[in-house]
N, C-alpha and C. Protein backbone atom coordinates (compact mmCIF):
# COMPACT_ATOMS: atom_id res chain seq x y z
N MET A 1 -10.41 -59.48 -31.09
CA MET A 1 -11.11 -59.57 -29.81
C MET A 1 -10.72 -58.37 -28.94
N ARG A 2 -11.68 -57.83 -28.28
CA ARG A 2 -11.47 -56.65 -27.45
C ARG A 2 -10.94 -57.04 -26.08
N ARG A 3 -9.94 -56.29 -25.61
CA ARG A 3 -9.37 -56.55 -24.28
C ARG A 3 -10.26 -55.95 -23.20
N PRO A 4 -10.40 -56.64 -22.07
CA PRO A 4 -11.22 -56.09 -20.98
C PRO A 4 -10.55 -54.87 -20.36
N GLN A 5 -11.37 -53.93 -19.95
CA GLN A 5 -10.83 -52.73 -19.30
C GLN A 5 -10.49 -53.05 -17.85
N VAL A 6 -9.30 -52.67 -17.45
CA VAL A 6 -8.83 -52.98 -16.11
C VAL A 6 -9.14 -51.85 -15.13
N ILE A 7 -8.83 -50.63 -15.50
CA ILE A 7 -8.94 -49.50 -14.57
C ILE A 7 -10.36 -49.30 -14.04
N PRO A 8 -11.39 -49.35 -14.86
CA PRO A 8 -12.75 -49.18 -14.30
C PRO A 8 -13.14 -50.27 -13.31
N ASN A 9 -12.47 -51.40 -13.36
CA ASN A 9 -12.81 -52.50 -12.47
C ASN A 9 -11.96 -52.54 -11.20
N LEU A 10 -11.05 -51.60 -11.05
CA LEU A 10 -10.23 -51.57 -9.84
C LEU A 10 -11.09 -51.16 -8.64
N PRO A 11 -10.84 -51.77 -7.49
CA PRO A 11 -11.58 -51.37 -6.28
C PRO A 11 -11.23 -49.94 -5.86
N ASP A 12 -12.14 -49.31 -5.15
CA ASP A 12 -11.91 -47.94 -4.68
C ASP A 12 -10.64 -47.82 -3.86
N VAL A 13 -10.35 -48.81 -3.05
CA VAL A 13 -9.16 -48.77 -2.19
C VAL A 13 -7.89 -48.66 -3.04
N VAL A 14 -7.85 -49.40 -4.12
CA VAL A 14 -6.68 -49.37 -5.01
C VAL A 14 -6.58 -48.01 -5.70
N LEU A 15 -7.69 -47.50 -6.18
CA LEU A 15 -7.67 -46.18 -6.82
C LEU A 15 -7.25 -45.09 -5.83
N LEU A 16 -7.75 -45.15 -4.61
CA LEU A 16 -7.36 -44.17 -3.60
C LEU A 16 -5.86 -44.23 -3.32
N HIS A 17 -5.32 -45.43 -3.29
CA HIS A 17 -3.87 -45.58 -3.08
C HIS A 17 -3.10 -44.95 -4.24
N ILE A 18 -3.54 -45.19 -5.45
CA ILE A 18 -2.89 -44.59 -6.63
C ILE A 18 -3.02 -43.07 -6.58
N PHE A 19 -4.21 -42.58 -6.28
CA PHE A 19 -4.44 -41.14 -6.22
C PHE A 19 -3.59 -40.47 -5.14
N SER A 20 -3.25 -41.18 -4.09
CA SER A 20 -2.47 -40.59 -3.00
C SER A 20 -1.07 -40.17 -3.46
N PHE A 21 -0.61 -40.67 -4.59
CA PHE A 21 0.70 -40.30 -5.12
C PHE A 21 0.65 -39.09 -6.06
N LEU A 22 -0.54 -38.64 -6.40
CA LEU A 22 -0.69 -37.54 -7.34
C LEU A 22 -0.65 -36.20 -6.63
N ASP A 23 -0.11 -35.18 -7.32
CA ASP A 23 -0.13 -33.84 -6.75
C ASP A 23 -1.51 -33.21 -6.99
N TYR A 24 -1.69 -32.03 -6.45
CA TYR A 24 -3.01 -31.38 -6.48
C TYR A 24 -3.51 -31.16 -7.91
N GLN A 25 -2.63 -30.71 -8.81
CA GLN A 25 -3.05 -30.45 -10.19
C GLN A 25 -3.53 -31.72 -10.88
N LEU A 26 -2.81 -32.81 -10.68
CA LEU A 26 -3.21 -34.07 -11.31
C LEU A 26 -4.50 -34.61 -10.70
N LEU A 27 -4.68 -34.39 -9.39
CA LEU A 27 -5.93 -34.81 -8.76
C LEU A 27 -7.12 -34.05 -9.35
N CYS A 28 -6.92 -32.76 -9.60
CA CYS A 28 -7.99 -31.96 -10.20
C CYS A 28 -8.34 -32.47 -11.59
N LYS A 29 -7.34 -32.90 -12.34
CA LYS A 29 -7.60 -33.47 -13.67
C LYS A 29 -8.26 -34.84 -13.55
N ALA A 30 -7.81 -35.63 -12.59
CA ALA A 30 -8.36 -36.98 -12.41
C ALA A 30 -9.83 -36.93 -12.03
N GLU A 31 -10.21 -35.95 -11.23
CA GLU A 31 -11.61 -35.90 -10.80
C GLU A 31 -12.56 -35.54 -11.93
N MET A 32 -12.03 -35.08 -13.05
CA MET A 32 -12.88 -34.75 -14.20
C MET A 32 -13.14 -35.96 -15.10
N VAL A 33 -12.51 -37.08 -14.82
CA VAL A 33 -12.66 -38.27 -15.66
C VAL A 33 -14.07 -38.83 -15.59
N CYS A 34 -14.57 -39.01 -14.38
CA CYS A 34 -15.92 -39.55 -14.21
C CYS A 34 -16.39 -39.25 -12.78
N ARG A 35 -17.65 -39.48 -12.53
CA ARG A 35 -18.21 -39.18 -11.20
C ARG A 35 -17.58 -40.03 -10.10
N ARG A 36 -17.29 -41.28 -10.42
CA ARG A 36 -16.67 -42.16 -9.42
C ARG A 36 -15.32 -41.61 -8.99
N TRP A 37 -14.51 -41.20 -9.96
CA TRP A 37 -13.20 -40.66 -9.62
C TRP A 37 -13.34 -39.33 -8.88
N GLN A 38 -14.32 -38.53 -9.26
CA GLN A 38 -14.56 -37.27 -8.57
C GLN A 38 -14.87 -37.53 -7.10
N THR A 39 -15.73 -38.49 -6.83
CA THR A 39 -16.09 -38.85 -5.46
C THR A 39 -14.87 -39.31 -4.68
N LEU A 40 -14.03 -40.13 -5.31
CA LEU A 40 -12.83 -40.65 -4.64
C LEU A 40 -11.82 -39.54 -4.36
N VAL A 41 -11.62 -38.65 -5.33
CA VAL A 41 -10.67 -37.55 -5.14
C VAL A 41 -11.15 -36.63 -4.02
N ILE A 42 -12.43 -36.32 -3.99
CA ILE A 42 -12.97 -35.47 -2.93
C ILE A 42 -12.79 -36.14 -1.57
N ALA A 43 -13.05 -37.43 -1.50
CA ALA A 43 -12.87 -38.16 -0.24
C ALA A 43 -11.40 -38.13 0.19
N LEU A 44 -10.50 -38.29 -0.75
CA LEU A 44 -9.07 -38.26 -0.44
C LEU A 44 -8.66 -36.88 0.06
N MET A 45 -9.13 -35.84 -0.60
CA MET A 45 -8.79 -34.47 -0.17
C MET A 45 -9.35 -34.17 1.22
N ARG A 46 -10.58 -34.60 1.47
CA ARG A 46 -11.16 -34.38 2.80
C ARG A 46 -10.35 -35.09 3.88
N ARG A 47 -9.93 -36.32 3.58
CA ARG A 47 -9.14 -37.08 4.55
C ARG A 47 -7.81 -36.39 4.81
N GLU A 48 -7.16 -35.90 3.75
CA GLU A 48 -5.89 -35.21 3.93
C GLU A 48 -6.05 -33.92 4.71
N ILE A 49 -7.11 -33.17 4.45
CA ILE A 49 -7.38 -31.94 5.19
C ILE A 49 -7.63 -32.26 6.66
N HIS A 50 -8.40 -33.31 6.93
CA HIS A 50 -8.67 -33.71 8.30
C HIS A 50 -7.38 -34.10 9.02
N GLU A 51 -6.53 -34.88 8.35
CA GLU A 51 -5.27 -35.30 8.96
C GLU A 51 -4.38 -34.09 9.25
N LEU A 52 -4.34 -33.12 8.34
CA LEU A 52 -3.56 -31.91 8.57
C LEU A 52 -4.10 -31.12 9.74
N ALA A 53 -5.42 -31.02 9.85
CA ALA A 53 -6.03 -30.27 10.95
C ALA A 53 -5.74 -30.93 12.28
N VAL A 54 -5.84 -32.25 12.34
CA VAL A 54 -5.55 -32.97 13.58
C VAL A 54 -4.09 -32.82 13.94
N GLU A 55 -3.22 -32.95 12.95
CA GLU A 55 -1.78 -32.80 13.19
C GLU A 55 -1.46 -31.40 13.70
N LYS A 56 -2.05 -30.39 13.08
CA LYS A 56 -1.83 -29.00 13.49
C LYS A 56 -2.34 -28.78 14.91
N TYR A 57 -3.48 -29.34 15.24
CA TYR A 57 -4.05 -29.19 16.58
C TYR A 57 -3.12 -29.78 17.64
N TYR A 58 -2.63 -30.99 17.40
CA TYR A 58 -1.77 -31.63 18.38
C TYR A 58 -0.40 -30.99 18.46
N GLU A 59 0.07 -30.38 17.38
CA GLU A 59 1.34 -29.66 17.42
C GLU A 59 1.21 -28.40 18.26
N SER A 60 0.04 -27.79 18.26
CA SER A 60 -0.13 -26.52 18.96
C SER A 60 -0.21 -26.68 20.48
N SER A 61 -0.79 -27.78 20.97
CA SER A 61 -0.91 -27.93 22.42
C SER A 61 -0.96 -29.39 22.85
N PRO A 62 0.08 -30.17 22.58
CA PRO A 62 0.02 -31.59 22.97
C PRO A 62 0.04 -31.80 24.48
N SER A 63 0.78 -30.96 25.21
CA SER A 63 0.88 -31.17 26.65
C SER A 63 -0.45 -30.90 27.35
N VAL A 64 -1.19 -29.91 26.88
CA VAL A 64 -2.48 -29.59 27.49
C VAL A 64 -3.46 -30.74 27.28
N VAL A 65 -3.50 -31.27 26.10
CA VAL A 65 -4.42 -32.37 25.79
C VAL A 65 -4.09 -33.59 26.62
N HIS A 66 -2.80 -33.93 26.69
CA HIS A 66 -2.40 -35.12 27.42
C HIS A 66 -2.57 -34.95 28.93
N SER A 67 -2.29 -33.78 29.45
CA SER A 67 -2.42 -33.59 30.89
C SER A 67 -3.88 -33.65 31.33
N LYS A 68 -4.79 -33.12 30.53
CA LYS A 68 -6.21 -33.20 30.87
C LYS A 68 -6.69 -34.64 30.87
N SER A 69 -6.27 -35.40 29.88
CA SER A 69 -6.67 -36.81 29.80
C SER A 69 -6.10 -37.58 30.97
N PHE A 70 -4.86 -37.31 31.31
CA PHE A 70 -4.21 -38.01 32.41
C PHE A 70 -4.89 -37.69 33.73
N ARG A 71 -5.25 -36.43 33.95
CA ARG A 71 -5.93 -36.05 35.19
C ARG A 71 -7.28 -36.74 35.33
N SER A 72 -8.00 -36.90 34.25
CA SER A 72 -9.30 -37.55 34.33
C SER A 72 -9.17 -39.02 34.67
N ILE A 73 -8.07 -39.64 34.31
CA ILE A 73 -7.84 -41.04 34.65
C ILE A 73 -7.53 -41.19 36.13
N ILE A 74 -6.75 -40.28 36.68
CA ILE A 74 -6.33 -40.38 38.08
C ILE A 74 -7.49 -40.10 39.03
N THR A 75 -8.28 -39.08 38.74
CA THR A 75 -9.34 -38.68 39.68
C THR A 75 -10.64 -39.39 39.47
């Protein structure tokens, strides 16, 4: 009797969590497995790039951003 395949039936959220532990080279290999994995890897990379950009932005000028927001609340 054939065993059911587990990995293809995993939800996207679970696969994204697993992929988050892989380095860039392994992610590039994983995205070649199938279109679904390619879509998930690209989504993960976009999210990581977005998080890095936001983090970099707030590191560069956090006081300016916060002071403008605070002034708009007061006035």
